[in-house]
Amino acid sequence: MVDKEQKQRLHKKKMEKLKSSVDASIAAADAERGVSILLTGNGKGKSSSAFGMVIRSLGYNLRAGVVQFIKGEQLSGEELYLRDRCPEVTFYQMGTGFTWDTQDRSGDIAAAIRTWEEATKMLVDPSYNLVVLDELTYMLSFKYLDEAEVIRTLKDRPKEQSVIVTGRGGGSALVDWADTVSEVKDIKHAYNSGVKARRGVDY
């Protein structure tokens, strides 16, 4: 009994210390503005995480825009749902498929520039509370877009607008720009064991 009570006291003390630390961090965060988020890494789930935040924003009746820079012919379940049932979400898709399928550098650059122009329209429009730039990192890694212009536009967006950038790589400039950077690591993937991508789970 004594041992159990002692463990409870130690646990309570530990939790109180943790709560005090969390409360202090919350109190210190007093800036009111949109946030910039970079979801990167070689693991699965970066775009899915971004779409989850789009759905979260809809719960507060906020307006969201999604620009996809690299996507194949197969739409994901979340894309289909948002397109069909959520007219308050604006979609624009580059539509040329994955660049390693097209293998047409000049065509991909032209498509990337057109897509960035559409993204820029959202990034200067204060009516958009959240803008997702899905797979934008590849456009910078492949040097399809001017990095300085992209970073400048991201920095100059409306104060209350939040932006999420997804994709592998992208360079240190994006990391420096972002308020929050999350790296998704590929520790294990069913695909490497010969399991096919599952509808409703993988796409």
C-alpha atoms as a PDB file:
ATOM      1  CA  MET A   1       0.000   0.000   0.000  1.00  0.00           C
ATOM      2  CA  VAL A   2       2.820   2.395   0.932  1.00  0.00           C
ATOM      3  CA  ASP A   3       4.619   1.626  -2.309  1.00  0.00           C
ATOM      4  CA  LYS A   4       1.441   2.290  -4.303  1.00  0.00           C
ATOM      5  CA  GLU A   5       0.829   5.607  -2.530  1.00  0.00           C
ATOM      6  CA  GLN A   6       4.436   6.636  -3.068  1.00  0.00           C
ATOM      7  CA  LYS A   7       4.171   5.882  -6.784  1.00  0.00           C
ATOM      8  CA  GLN A   8       0.976   7.932  -6.952  1.00  0.00           C
ATOM      9  CA  ARG A   9       2.661  10.908  -5.252  1.00  0.00           C
ATOM     10  CA  LEU A  10       5.635  10.711  -7.607  1.00  0.00           C
ATOM     11  CA  HIS A  11       3.319  10.456 -10.600  1.00  0.00           C
ATOM     12  CA  LYS A  12       1.269  13.437  -9.436  1.00  0.00           C
ATOM     13  CA  LYS A  13       4.414  15.505  -8.906  1.00  0.00           C
ATOM     14  CA  LYS A  14       5.688  14.579 -12.368  1.00  0.00           C
ATOM     15  CA  MET A  15       2.370  15.497 -14.008  1.00  0.00           C
ATOM     16  CA  GLU A  16       2.170  18.798 -12.132  1.00  0.00           C
ATOM     17  CA  LYS A  17       5.655  19.689 -13.345  1.00  0.00           C
ATOM     18  CA  LEU A  18       4.717  18.761 -16.915  1.00  0.00           C
ATOM     19  CA  LYS A  19       1.488  20.778 -16.742  1.00  0.00           C
ATOM     20  CA  SER A  20       3.374  23.782 -15.402  1.00  0.00           C
ATOM     21  CA  SER A  21       5.808  23.583 -18.324  1.00  0.00           C
ATOM     22  CA  VAL A  22       3.000  23.254 -20.884  1.00  0.00           C
ATOM     23  CA  ASP A  23       1.028  26.125 -19.336  1.00  0.00           C
ATOM     24  CA  ALA A  24       4.119  28.349 -19.440  1.00  0.00           C
ATOM     25  CA  SER A  25       4.669  27.571 -23.121  1.00  0.00           C
ATOM     26  CA  ILE A  26       1.039  28.373 -23.935  1.00  0.00           C
ATOM     27  CA  ALA A  27       1.204  31.636 -22.000  1.00  0.00           C
ATOM     28  CA  ALA A  28       4.390  32.652 -23.817  1.00  0.00           C
ATOM     29  CA  ALA A  29       2.772  32.169 -27.244  1.00  0.00           C
ATOM     30  CA  ASP A  30       0.970  35.484 -27.617  1.00  0.00           C
ATOM     31  CA  ALA A  31       1.442  36.261 -31.348  1.00  0.00           C
ATOM     32  CA  GLU A  32      -1.774  36.348 -33.397  1.00  0.00           C
ATOM     33  CA  ARG A  33      -1.101  35.536 -37.071  1.00  0.00           C
ATOM     34  CA  GLY A  34      -1.261  32.784 -39.634  1.00  0.00           C
ATOM     35  CA  VAL A  35       1.338  30.041 -39.376  1.00  0.00           C
ATOM     36  CA  SER A  36       3.639  28.492 -41.963  1.00  0.00           C
ATOM     37  CA  ILE A  37       4.067  24.715 -41.883  1.00  0.00           C
ATOM     38  CA  LEU A  38       6.471  22.486 -43.810  1.00  0.00           C
ATOM     39  CA  LEU A  39       5.684  18.757 -43.911  1.00  0.00           C
ATOM     40  CA  THR A  40       8.692  16.975 -45.355  1.00  0.00           C
ATOM     41  CA  GLY A  41      10.631  13.704 -45.172  1.00  0.00           C
ATOM     42  CA  ASN A  42      10.611  10.396 -47.030  1.00  0.00           C
ATOM     43  CA  GLY A  43       7.718   8.833 -45.117  1.00  0.00           C
ATOM     44  CA  LYS A  44       4.060   8.366 -45.986  1.00  0.00           C
ATOM     45  CA  GLY A  45       1.395  10.809 -44.815  1.00  0.00           C
ATOM     46  CA  LYS A  46       2.558  14.350 -45.596  1.00  0.00           C
ATOM     47  CA  SER A  47      -0.276  15.234 -47.982  1.00  0.00           C
ATOM     48  CA  SER A  48      -2.776  13.310 -45.843  1.00  0.00           C
ATOM     49  CA  SER A  49      -1.770  15.417 -42.845  1.00  0.00           C
ATOM     50  CA  ALA A  50      -2.275  18.605 -44.843  1.00  0.00           C
ATOM     51  CA  PHE A  51      -5.732  17.469 -45.978  1.00  0.00           C
ATOM     52  CA  GLY A  52      -6.562  16.710 -42.370  1.00  0.00           C
ATOM     53  CA  MET A  53      -5.849  20.347 -41.513  1.00  0.00           C
ATOM     54  CA  VAL A  54      -8.065  21.438 -44.406  1.00  0.00           C
ATOM     55  CA  ILE A  55     -10.922  19.443 -42.871  1.00  0.00           C
ATOM     56  CA  ARG A  56     -10.103  20.932 -39.476  1.00  0.00           C
ATOM     57  CA  SER A  57     -10.383  24.438 -40.930  1.00  0.00           C
ATOM     58  CA  LEU A  58     -13.780  23.592 -42.418  1.00  0.00           C
ATOM     59  CA  GLY A  59     -14.988  22.769 -38.923  1.00  0.00           C
ATOM     60  CA  TYR A  60     -14.609  26.484 -38.151  1.00  0.00           C
ATOM     61  CA  ASN A  61     -16.238  27.593 -41.420  1.00  0.00           C
ATOM     62  CA  LEU A  62     -12.920  28.849 -42.770  1.00  0.00           C
ATOM     63  CA  ARG A  63     -11.994  29.040 -46.441  1.00  0.00           C
ATOM     64  CA  ALA A  64      -9.236  26.822 -47.806  1.00  0.00           C
ATOM     65  CA  GLY A  65      -7.362  26.486 -51.084  1.00  0.00           C
ATOM     66  CA  VAL A  66      -5.365  23.486 -52.298  1.00  0.00           C
ATOM     67  CA  VAL A  67      -2.790  23.658 -55.094  1.00  0.00           C
ATOM     68  CA  GLN A  68      -1.217  20.373 -56.169  1.00  0.00           C
ATOM     69  CA  PHE A  69       2.054  20.572 -58.054  1.00  0.00           C
ATOM     70  CA  ILE A  70       2.677  16.878 -58.691  1.00  0.00           C
ATOM     71  CA  LYS A  71      -0.142  14.375 -58.876  1.00  0.00           C
ATOM     72  CA  GLY A  72      -0.964  11.377 -61.005  1.00  0.00           C
ATOM     73  CA  GLU A  73      -4.267  10.443 -62.593  1.00  0.00           C
ATOM     74  CA  GLN A  74      -5.611   8.732 -59.448  1.00  0.00           C
ATOM     75  CA  LEU A  75      -7.255  11.116 -56.978  1.00  0.00           C
ATOM     76  CA  SER A  76      -7.096  10.228 -53.297  1.00  0.00           C
ATOM     77  CA  GLY A  77     -10.194   9.632 -51.203  1.00  0.00           C
ATOM     78  CA  GLU A  78      -9.805  12.920 -49.347  1.00  0.00           C
ATOM     79  CA  GLU A  79      -9.478  14.812 -52.630  1.00  0.00           C
ATOM     80  CA  LEU A  80     -12.630  13.180 -53.993  1.00  0.00           C
ATOM     81  CA  TYR A  81     -14.546  13.956 -50.802  1.00  0.00           C
ATOM     82  CA  LEU A  82     -13.494  17.590 -50.612  1.00  0.00           C
ATOM     83  CA  ARG A  83     -14.104  18.225 -54.311  1.00  0.00           C
ATOM     84  CA  ASP A  84     -17.553  16.641 -54.279  1.00  0.00           C
ATOM     85  CA  ARG A  85     -18.870  17.842 -50.928  1.00  0.00           C
ATOM     86  CA  CYS A  86     -16.932  20.936 -49.917  1.00  0.00           C
ATOM     87  CA  PRO A  87     -17.371  23.758 -52.444  1.00  0.00           C
ATOM     88  CA  GLU A  88     -15.680  26.157 -50.024  1.00  0.00           C
ATOM     89  CA  VAL A  89     -12.374  24.433 -50.819  1.00  0.00           C
ATOM     90  CA  THR A  90     -10.742  25.682 -54.029  1.00  0.00           C
ATOM     91  CA  PHE A  91      -8.673  23.093 -55.913  1.00  0.00           C
ATOM     92  CA  TYR A  92      -6.083  23.545 -58.613  1.00  0.00           C
ATOM     93  CA  GLN A  93      -4.045  20.638 -59.906  1.00  0.00           C
ATOM     94  CA  MET A  94      -1.048  20.833 -62.213  1.00  0.00           C
ATOM     95  CA  GLY A  95      -2.432  17.814 -64.004  1.00  0.00           C
ATOM     96  CA  THR A  96       0.665  16.720 -65.917  1.00  0.00           C
ATOM     97  CA  GLY A  97       1.207  13.658 -63.741  1.00  0.00           C
ATOM     98  CA  PHE A  98       4.439  12.858 -61.960  1.00  0.00           C
ATOM     99  CA  THR A  99       7.460  14.454 -63.579  1.00  0.00           C
ATOM    100  CA  TRP A 100       9.296  11.138 -63.634  1.00  0.00           C
ATOM    101  CA  ASP A 101       6.466   9.892 -65.859  1.00  0.00           C
ATOM    102  CA  THR A 102       6.401  12.832 -68.264  1.00  0.00           C
ATOM    103  CA  GLN A 103      10.204  13.234 -68.569  1.00  0.00           C
ATOM    104  CA  ASP A 104       9.564  16.544 -70.333  1.00  0.00           C
ATOM    105  CA  ARG A 105      11.515  19.231 -68.499  1.00  0.00           C
ATOM    106  CA  SER A 106      10.393  22.215 -70.583  1.00  0.00           C
ATOM    107  CA  GLY A 107       6.768  21.098 -70.414  1.00  0.00           C
ATOM    108  CA  ASP A 108       6.988  20.515 -66.674  1.00  0.00           C
ATOM    109  CA  ILE A 109       8.533  23.949 -66.106  1.00  0.00           C
ATOM    110  CA  ALA A 110       5.742  25.612 -68.081  1.00  0.00           C
ATOM    111  CA  ALA A 111       3.125  23.659 -66.112  1.00  0.00           C
ATOM    112  CA  ALA A 112       4.824  24.514 -62.814  1.00  0.00           C
ATOM    113  CA  ILE A 113       4.838  28.221 -63.649  1.00  0.00           C
ATOM    114  CA  ARG A 114       1.131  28.142 -64.562  1.00  0.00           C
ATOM    115  CA  THR A 115       0.354  26.319 -61.343  1.00  0.00           C
ATOM    116  CA  TRP A 116       2.408  28.767 -59.281  1.00  0.00           C
ATOM    117  CA  GLU A 117       0.473  31.636 -60.853  1.00  0.00           C
ATOM    118  CA  GLU A 118      -2.740  30.028 -59.576  1.00  0.00           C
ATOM    119  CA  ALA A 119      -1.183  29.535 -56.155  1.00  0.00           C
ATOM    120  CA  THR A 120      -0.123  33.178 -56.078  1.00  0.00           C
ATOM    121  CA  LYS A 121      -3.743  34.255 -56.564  1.00  0.00           C
ATOM    122  CA  MET A 122      -4.626  32.474 -53.329  1.00  0.00           C
ATOM    123  CA  LEU A 123      -1.533  33.702 -51.501  1.00  0.00           C
ATOM    124  CA  VAL A 124      -2.481  37.352 -52.036  1.00  0.00           C
ATOM    125  CA  ASP A 125      -6.189  36.841 -51.271  1.00  0.00           C
ATOM    126  CA  PRO A 126      -7.021  37.447 -47.571  1.00  0.00           C
ATOM    127  CA  SER A 127     -10.298  35.546 -47.920  1.00  0.00           C
ATOM    128  CA  TYR A 128      -8.279  32.307 -47.881  1.00  0.00           C
ATOM    129  CA  ASN A 129      -7.601  31.309 -44.287  1.00  0.00           C
ATOM    130  CA  LEU A 130      -5.554  28.254 -45.262  1.00  0.00           C
ATOM    131  CA  VAL A 131      -3.595  27.429 -48.418  1.00  0.00           C
ATOM    132  CA  VAL A 132      -2.017  24.025 -49.051  1.00  0.00           C
ATOM    133  CA  LEU A 133       0.827  23.855 -51.569  1.00  0.00           C
ATOM    134  CA  ASP A 134       1.045  20.116 -52.068  1.00  0.00           C
ATOM    135  CA  GLU A 135       4.415  18.815 -53.348  1.00  0.00           C
ATOM    136  CA  LEU A 136       5.759  22.337 -53.905  1.00  0.00           C
ATOM    137  CA  THR A 137       9.161  21.185 -52.651  1.00  0.00           C
ATOM    138  CA  TYR A 138       9.799  19.251 -55.861  1.00  0.00           C
ATOM    139  CA  MET A 139       9.360  22.401 -57.936  1.00  0.00           C
ATOM    140  CA  LEU A 140      12.226  23.965 -56.003  1.00  0.00           C
ATOM    141  CA  SER A 141      14.395  20.836 -55.939  1.00  0.00           C
ATOM    142  CA  PHE A 142      14.048  20.447 -59.717  1.00  0.00           C
ATOM    143  CA  LYS A 143      14.534  24.226 -60.136  1.00  0.00           C
ATOM    144  CA  TYR A 144      11.257  24.564 -62.030  1.00  0.00           C
ATOM    145  CA  LEU A 145      10.401  27.681 -60.008  1.00  0.00           C
ATOM    146  CA  ASP A 146      12.524  30.570 -58.785  1.00  0.00           C
ATOM    147  CA  GLU A 147      13.180  29.917 -55.105  1.00  0.00           C
ATOM    148  CA  ALA A 148      13.608  33.575 -54.165  1.00  0.00           C
ATOM    149  CA  GLU A 149      10.270  34.505 -55.739  1.00  0.00           C
ATOM    150  CA  VAL A 150       8.488  31.620 -54.029  1.00  0.00           C
ATOM    151  CA  ILE A 151       9.870  32.480 -50.593  1.00  0.00           C
ATOM    152  CA  ARG A 152       9.129  36.176 -51.069  1.00  0.00           C
ATOM    153  CA  THR A 153       5.509  35.452 -52.024  1.00  0.00           C
ATOM    154  CA  LEU A 154       5.077  33.110 -49.067  1.00  0.00           C
ATOM    155  CA  LYS A 155       6.437  35.741 -46.686  1.00  0.00           C
ATOM    156  CA  ASP A 156       4.301  38.536 -48.159  1.00  0.00           C
ATOM    157  CA  ARG A 157       0.976  36.681 -47.860  1.00  0.00           C
ATOM    158  CA  PRO A 158      -1.872  38.168 -45.752  1.00  0.00           C
ATOM    159  CA  LYS A 159      -1.085  38.199 -42.044  1.00  0.00           C
ATOM    160  CA  GLU A 160      -3.957  35.933 -40.986  1.00  0.00           C
ATOM    161  CA  GLN A 161      -3.393  33.362 -43.729  1.00  0.00           C
ATOM    162  CA  SER A 162      -1.788  30.025 -42.870  1.00  0.00           C
ATOM    163  CA  VAL A 163       0.170  28.011 -45.438  1.00  0.00           C
ATOM    164  CA  ILE A 164       1.143  24.350 -45.526  1.00  0.00           C
ATOM    165  CA  VAL A 165       3.878  23.147 -47.889  1.00  0.00           C
ATOM    166  CA  THR A 166       4.368  19.414 -48.414  1.00  0.00           C
ATOM    167  CA  GLY A 167       6.940  17.230 -50.148  1.00  0.00           C
ATOM    168  CA  ARG A 168      10.406  15.783 -49.830  1.00  0.00           C
ATOM    169  CA  GLY A 169      13.441  18.042 -49.788  1.00  0.00           C
ATOM    170  CA  GLY A 170      12.925  21.614 -50.882  1.00  0.00           C
ATOM    171  CA  GLY A 171      16.052  23.155 -49.409  1.00  0.00           C
ATOM    172  CA  SER A 172      17.008  25.161 -46.356  1.00  0.00           C
ATOM    173  CA  ALA A 173      15.157  28.305 -47.472  1.00  0.00           C
ATOM    174  CA  LEU A 174      11.792  26.614 -46.897  1.00  0.00           C
ATOM    175  CA  VAL A 175      12.945  25.340 -43.509  1.00  0.00           C
ATOM    176  CA  ASP A 176      14.036  28.854 -42.533  1.00  0.00           C
ATOM    177  CA  TRP A 177      10.701  30.282 -43.717  1.00  0.00           C
ATOM    178  CA  ALA A 178       8.449  27.842 -41.887  1.00  0.00           C
ATOM    179  CA  ASP A 179       7.240  28.328 -38.322  1.00  0.00           C
ATOM    180  CA  THR A 180       6.740  24.588 -37.931  1.00  0.00           C
ATOM    181  CA  VAL A 181       8.726  21.854 -39.685  1.00  0.00           C
ATOM    182  CA  SER A 182       7.723  18.200 -39.330  1.00  0.00           C
ATOM    183  CA  GLU A 183       9.751  15.390 -40.865  1.00  0.00           C
ATOM    184  CA  VAL A 184       7.867  12.180 -41.684  1.00  0.00           C
ATOM    185  CA  LYS A 185      10.285   9.234 -41.639  1.00  0.00           C
ATOM    186  CA  ASP A 186       9.877   6.010 -43.589  1.00  0.00           C
ATOM    187  CA  ILE A 187      10.632   3.378 -40.962  1.00  0.00           C
ATOM    188  CA  LYS A 188       8.596   0.613 -42.586  1.00  0.00           C
ATOM    189  CA  HIS A 189       6.186   0.513 -45.526  1.00  0.00           C
ATOM    190  CA  ALA A 190       3.846  -2.256 -46.670  1.00  0.00           C
ATOM    191  CA  TYR A 191       4.725  -1.551 -50.306  1.00  0.00           C
ATOM    192  CA  ASN A 192       8.265  -2.798 -49.714  1.00  0.00           C
ATOM    193  CA  SER A 193       6.808  -6.119 -48.576  1.00  0.00           C
ATOM    194  CA  GLY A 194       4.841  -6.519 -51.792  1.00  0.00           C
ATOM    195  CA  VAL A 195       1.494  -5.259 -50.450  1.00  0.00           C
ATOM    196  CA  LYS A 196      -0.488  -3.232 -52.986  1.00  0.00           C
ATOM    197  CA  ALA A 197      -1.692   0.268 -52.148  1.00  0.00           C
ATOM    198  CA  ARG A 198      -5.112   0.046 -50.476  1.00  0.00           C
ATOM    199  CA  ARG A 199      -8.019   2.238 -51.549  1.00  0.00           C
ATOM    200  CA  GLY A 200      -9.309   4.227 -48.600  1.00  0.00           C
ATOM    201  CA  VAL A 201      -6.002   3.859 -46.752  1.00  0.00           C
ATOM    202  CA  ASP A 202      -3.134   4.653 -49.124  1.00  0.00           C
ATOM    203  CA  TYR A 203      -5.159   6.782 -51.542  1.00  0.00           C
END
